[in-house]
Protein backbone atom coordinates (compact mmCIF):
# COMPACT_ATOMS: atom_id res chain seq x y z
CA UNK A 1 0.00 0.00 0.00
CA UNK A 2 2.49 2.68 -1.18
CA UNK A 3 1.95 6.26 -0.07
CA UNK A 4 2.68 8.71 -2.87
CA UNK A 5 3.07 12.48 -2.89
CA UNK A 6 3.32 14.30 -6.19
CA UNK A 7 2.33 17.40 -8.14
CA UNK A 8 -0.88 16.92 -10.08
CA UNK A 9 -3.53 18.68 -12.14
CA UNK A 10 -7.14 17.94 -11.24
CA UNK A 11 -9.11 17.05 -14.37
CA UNK A 12 -12.57 16.08 -13.18
CA UNK A 13 -14.55 15.23 -10.06
CA UNK A 14 -17.71 13.15 -9.65
CA UNK A 15 -20.01 12.84 -6.63
CA UNK A 16 -19.84 9.60 -4.69
CA UNK A 17 -22.41 8.69 -2.06
CA UNK A 18 -23.51 11.56 0.18
CA UNK A 19 -20.26 13.26 1.06
CA UNK A 20 -17.41 11.90 -1.08
CA UNK A 21 -15.99 12.64 -4.50
CA UNK A 22 -14.15 10.65 -7.14
CA UNK A 23 -11.24 12.77 -8.37
CA UNK A 24 -9.51 12.29 -11.73
CA UNK A 25 -6.02 13.78 -11.53
CA UNK A 26 -3.03 13.80 -13.86
CA UNK A 27 0.54 13.51 -12.58
CA UNK A 28 3.88 13.73 -14.33
CA UNK A 29 5.35 10.67 -12.60
CA UNK A 30 2.37 8.27 -12.51
CA UNK A 31 0.06 9.41 -15.31
CA UNK A 32 -3.68 9.80 -14.89
CA UNK A 33 -5.14 8.40 -11.69
CA UNK A 34 -8.55 8.19 -10.04
CA UNK A 35 -9.07 8.43 -6.32
CA UNK A 36 -11.69 8.94 -3.62
CA UNK A 37 -11.63 12.06 -1.47
CA UNK A 38 -13.59 11.25 1.67
CA UNK A 39 -15.86 14.05 2.89
CA UNK A 40 -14.98 16.34 -0.03
CA UNK A 41 -18.63 17.31 -0.55
CA UNK A 42 -19.11 18.42 3.06
CA UNK A 43 -19.47 22.14 3.70
CA UNK A 44 -16.34 22.25 5.85
CA UNK A 45 -14.28 19.85 3.79
CA UNK A 46 -10.55 19.88 4.45
CA UNK A 47 -9.98 19.84 0.68
CA UNK A 48 -11.51 23.30 0.23
CA UNK A 49 -11.21 24.50 -3.39
CA UNK A 50 -8.24 22.27 -4.17
CA UNK A 51 -10.39 19.85 -6.16
CA UNK A 52 -11.75 22.32 -8.71
CA UNK A 53 -11.13 21.30 -12.34
CA UNK A 54 -7.67 22.15 -13.71
CA UNK A 55 -6.37 23.25 -10.33
CA UNK A 56 -2.68 22.51 -9.79
CA UNK A 57 -2.13 20.73 -6.49
CA UNK A 58 0.32 18.78 -4.37
CA UNK A 59 -1.53 15.54 -3.73
CA UNK A 60 -0.91 12.71 -1.27
CA UNK A 61 -2.63 9.39 -1.93
CA UNK A 62 -2.23 5.66 -1.43
CA UNK A 63 -3.27 2.69 -3.52
CA UNK A 64 -4.31 -0.81 -2.51
CA UNK A 65 -3.63 -3.86 -4.66
CA UNK A 66 -6.54 -4.86 -6.92
CA UNK A 67 -8.37 -1.60 -6.17
CA UNK A 68 -9.28 0.64 -9.09
CA UNK A 69 -9.57 3.80 -6.97
CA UNK A 70 -6.84 5.28 -4.83
CA UNK A 71 -7.56 6.98 -1.51
CA UNK A 72 -6.66 10.68 -1.41
CA UNK A 73 -5.22 11.64 1.97
CA UNK A 74 -4.25 15.28 1.42
CA UNK A 75 -4.44 17.89 -1.34
CA UNK A 76 -2.58 21.21 -1.17
CA UNK A 77 -3.60 23.99 -3.55
CA UNK A 78 -0.74 25.35 -5.69
CA UNK A 79 -2.36 27.27 -8.59
CA UNK A 80 -5.97 27.87 -9.56
CA UNK A 81 -7.48 29.78 -12.45
CA UNK A 82 -10.71 30.04 -10.48
CA UNK A 83 -8.84 32.02 -7.82
CA UNK A 84 -8.08 34.86 -10.27
CA UNK A 85 -9.53 38.27 -9.60
CA UNK A 86 -12.29 38.13 -12.22
CA UNK A 87 -13.44 34.66 -11.28
CA UNK A 88 -11.78 33.31 -14.43
CA UNK A 89 -14.41 34.83 -16.74
CA UNK A 90 -17.10 33.01 -18.68
CA UNK A 91 -14.94 32.36 -21.76
CA UNK A 92 -12.12 30.96 -19.65
CA UNK A 93 -14.52 28.72 -17.73
CA UNK A 94 -15.81 27.24 -20.98
CA UNK A 95 -12.25 26.81 -22.27
CA UNK A 96 -11.30 25.07 -19.02
CA UNK A 97 -14.27 22.74 -19.41
CA UNK A 98 -13.14 21.77 -22.90
CA UNK A 99 -9.51 21.28 -21.85
CA UNK A 100 -10.54 19.14 -18.87
CA UNK A 101 -12.85 16.96 -20.97
CA UNK A 102 -10.32 16.42 -23.76
CA UNK A 103 -7.55 15.60 -21.27
CA UNK A 104 -9.70 13.15 -19.35
CA UNK A 105 -11.02 11.36 -22.42
CA UNK A 106 -7.81 11.24 -24.46
CA UNK A 107 -5.21 10.44 -21.79
CA UNK A 108 -5.19 6.75 -20.76
CA UNK A 109 -5.13 5.76 -17.09
CA UNK A 110 -1.81 4.89 -15.43
CA UNK A 111 0.29 5.93 -18.43
CA UNK A 112 2.90 8.64 -17.95
CA UNK A 113 2.99 11.38 -20.56
CA UNK A 114 5.49 14.11 -19.73
CA UNK A 115 4.74 16.06 -22.92
CA UNK A 116 1.01 16.22 -22.14
CA UNK A 117 1.70 17.26 -18.55
CA UNK A 118 3.99 20.09 -19.68
CA UNK A 119 1.42 21.13 -22.30
CA UNK A 120 -1.32 21.40 -19.68
CA UNK A 121 0.84 23.50 -17.37
CA UNK A 122 1.88 25.79 -20.23
CA UNK A 123 -1.69 26.36 -21.43
CA UNK A 124 -3.00 26.92 -17.89
CA UNK A 125 -0.29 29.53 -17.34
CA UNK A 126 -1.40 31.27 -20.54
CA UNK A 127 -5.02 31.22 -19.42
CA UNK A 128 -4.03 32.80 -16.10
CA UNK A 129 -2.55 35.75 -18.00
CA UNK A 130 -4.45 38.56 -19.71
CA UNK A 131 -4.13 36.93 -23.12
CA UNK A 132 -7.33 36.05 -25.01
CA UNK A 133 -8.35 32.44 -24.42
CA UNK A 134 -8.70 31.39 -28.04
CA UNK A 135 -5.14 30.88 -29.17
CA UNK A 136 -4.01 28.94 -26.04
CA UNK A 137 -7.10 26.75 -26.46
CA UNK A 138 -6.32 26.14 -30.13
CA UNK A 139 -2.69 25.45 -29.26
CA UNK A 140 -3.82 22.86 -26.71
CA UNK A 141 -6.16 21.13 -29.18
CA UNK A 142 -3.43 21.01 -31.84
CA UNK A 143 -0.94 19.37 -29.50
CA UNK A 144 -3.44 16.88 -28.05
CA UNK A 145 -4.26 15.75 -31.59
CA UNK A 146 -0.56 15.61 -32.47
CA UNK A 147 0.53 13.82 -29.30
CA UNK A 148 -2.34 11.38 -29.76
CA UNK A 149 -0.89 10.41 -33.12
CA UNK A 150 -3.88 11.36 -35.27
CA UNK A 151 -2.86 14.74 -36.69
CA UNK A 152 -3.27 14.44 -40.48
CA UNK A 153 -0.79 15.68 -43.06
CA UNK A 154 -1.41 19.41 -43.45
CA UNK A 155 0.47 19.88 -46.72
CA UNK A 156 -0.67 17.09 -49.03
CA UNK A 157 -4.06 15.82 -50.18
CA UNK A 158 -4.93 12.47 -48.58
CA UNK A 159 -6.55 11.38 -51.84
CA UNK A 160 -4.25 12.26 -54.75
CA UNK A 161 -1.17 13.19 -52.64
CA UNK A 162 -0.73 16.48 -54.47
CA UNK A 163 0.46 19.50 -52.51
CA UNK A 164 -2.33 21.67 -51.11
CA UNK A 165 -0.29 24.86 -51.51
CA UNK A 166 -2.35 28.03 -51.18
CA UNK A 167 -5.62 26.37 -52.14
CA UNK A 168 -8.51 25.57 -49.84
CA UNK A 169 -8.60 22.10 -48.33
CA UNK A 170 -11.50 20.01 -47.07
CA UNK A 171 -12.15 17.42 -44.38
CA UNK A 172 -15.07 15.32 -43.19
CA UNK A 173 -16.07 13.14 -40.25
CA UNK A 174 -14.94 9.57 -40.71
CA UNK A 175 -12.40 10.51 -43.41
CA UNK A 176 -8.82 10.85 -42.23
CA UNK A 177 -6.74 13.66 -43.68
CA UNK A 178 -7.22 16.81 -45.73
CA UNK A 179 -8.38 16.79 -49.33
CA UNK A 180 -8.02 19.10 -52.32
CA UNK A 181 -11.05 20.42 -54.20
CA UNK A 182 -10.79 17.58 -56.72
CA UNK A 183 -10.89 14.89 -54.01
CA UNK A 184 -13.29 16.75 -51.73
CA UNK A 185 -15.43 14.30 -49.71
CA UNK A 186 -19.22 14.70 -49.76
CA UNK A 187 -20.44 17.23 -47.19
CA UNK A 188 -16.83 18.17 -46.42
CA UNK A 189 -15.95 21.21 -44.32
CA UNK A 190 -13.51 23.84 -45.56
CA UNK A 191 -10.11 24.65 -44.07
CA UNK A 192 -8.52 27.67 -45.70
CA UNK A 193 -4.83 28.04 -46.48
CA UNK A 194 -4.11 30.72 -43.82
CA UNK A 195 -5.18 28.65 -40.78
CA UNK A 196 -3.53 25.58 -42.28
CA UNK A 197 -0.23 27.51 -42.49
CA UNK A 198 -0.69 28.66 -38.90
CA UNK A 199 -1.09 25.05 -37.78
CA UNK A 200 1.84 23.75 -39.84
CA UNK A 201 4.32 26.51 -39.01
CA UNK A 202 3.10 28.37 -35.92
CA UNK A 203 1.37 25.96 -33.57
CA UNK A 204 4.20 23.45 -33.86
CA UNK A 205 6.55 25.94 -32.14
CA UNK A 206 6.50 27.68 -28.75
CA UNK A 207 3.21 29.33 -27.80
CA UNK A 208 4.92 32.65 -27.07
CA UNK A 209 6.46 32.71 -30.56
CA UNK A 210 3.19 32.55 -32.50
CA UNK A 211 2.86 35.28 -35.16
CA UNK A 212 0.91 38.45 -34.24
CA UNK A 213 -1.66 37.86 -37.00
CA UNK A 214 -2.77 34.75 -35.15
CA UNK A 215 -4.11 37.02 -32.38
CA UNK A 216 -5.52 39.79 -34.54
CA UNK A 217 -8.14 37.80 -36.47
CA UNK A 218 -10.50 35.24 -34.93
CA UNK A 219 -11.22 33.34 -38.14
CA UNK A 220 -8.01 31.27 -38.47
CA UNK A 221 -8.14 29.89 -34.96
CA UNK A 222 -11.91 29.27 -35.21
CA UNK A 223 -11.39 27.23 -38.38
CA UNK A 224 -8.61 25.27 -36.72
CA UNK A 225 -10.62 24.54 -33.60
CA UNK A 226 -13.38 23.04 -35.74
CA UNK A 227 -10.82 20.96 -37.62
CA UNK A 228 -9.23 19.68 -34.41
CA UNK A 229 -12.65 19.01 -32.88
CA UNK A 230 -13.48 16.81 -35.85
CA UNK A 231 -10.20 14.89 -35.43
CA UNK A 232 -10.78 14.42 -31.68
CA UNK A 233 -14.38 13.29 -32.10
CA UNK A 234 -13.38 10.84 -34.83
CA UNK A 235 -10.79 9.38 -32.48
CA UNK A 236 -13.19 9.22 -29.54
CA UNK A 237 -16.09 8.06 -31.74
CA UNK A 238 -18.29 10.40 -29.73
CA UNK A 239 -19.00 14.15 -29.55
CA UNK A 240 -17.30 16.49 -27.10
CA UNK A 241 -19.97 17.43 -24.59
CA UNK A 242 -18.29 20.76 -23.75
CA UNK A 243 -18.15 21.96 -27.35
CA UNK A 244 -21.64 23.43 -28.12
CA UNK A 245 -21.42 26.25 -25.56
CA UNK A 246 -17.82 27.02 -26.44
CA UNK A 247 -18.55 27.12 -30.17
CA UNK A 248 -21.35 29.61 -29.59
CA UNK A 249 -19.00 32.31 -28.32
CA UNK A 250 -17.42 35.00 -30.49
CA UNK A 251 -13.61 35.05 -30.11
CA UNK A 252 -11.90 38.19 -28.87
CA UNK A 253 -9.78 40.01 -31.44
CA UNK A 254 -7.44 42.05 -29.24
CA UNK A 255 -3.73 41.21 -29.59
CA UNK A 256 -1.76 40.24 -26.48
CA UNK A 257 0.09 42.79 -24.43
CA UNK A 258 3.82 43.05 -24.99
CA UNK A 259 6.16 41.22 -22.63
CA UNK A 260 4.09 38.11 -21.98
CA UNK A 261 6.51 35.22 -22.32
CA UNK A 262 4.65 32.20 -21.04
CA UNK A 263 7.42 29.87 -22.15
CA UNK A 264 9.51 31.13 -19.24
CA UNK A 265 6.86 30.25 -16.66
């Protein structure tokens, strides 16, 4: 019955019985785990706000052989977007919901993934800043698709293998890859050249190094989010429950303030 203490990011919680919660948390050393926090639903719970989604914590837990759920002994709050001065804001709350759902559903249990852990911390740091939420969210979706191994080729048609160049490309549910106009699948959705270039050249690099035009116009990142949503839902074979509310918002168009270098966080 090993006792473990590690840094973690809370992904989800679910009610259990009258006063307990099941907590899904993601650690760098041990991967994604699930544990029971006894009394977490009580008014005077010792866990306080440490179990809110996408809160960074120092967690102490122990596991028993042949038991699916660990027992959470202690949880110390380290960083929380919900503790920011504006209460995180409605857009950030919806973005957090999407990030938590994608992380929980894509990351397998008990499998370490250092790249995904670093990605989550980087994106959460960006969301704690004054930057608009849309580019960090798009950056997260891009890397989850890429790390999951189902990012399609962004430069060549999946049908005829010709270069897509500056032309529009198309994609569709159940059809892997991007297609040129000649190979366009029935009822395919459009992905223009500008957002495709942003994904191929910009999103693959550091978040802080993304080109200014990525912040100044909402359309490229909106197109990319739809494209990545399609790839994620194809992989999951189910819709993202957090997406409808998020998709109904209009992205902010203001560029970031100078001097924000989230890569140095």
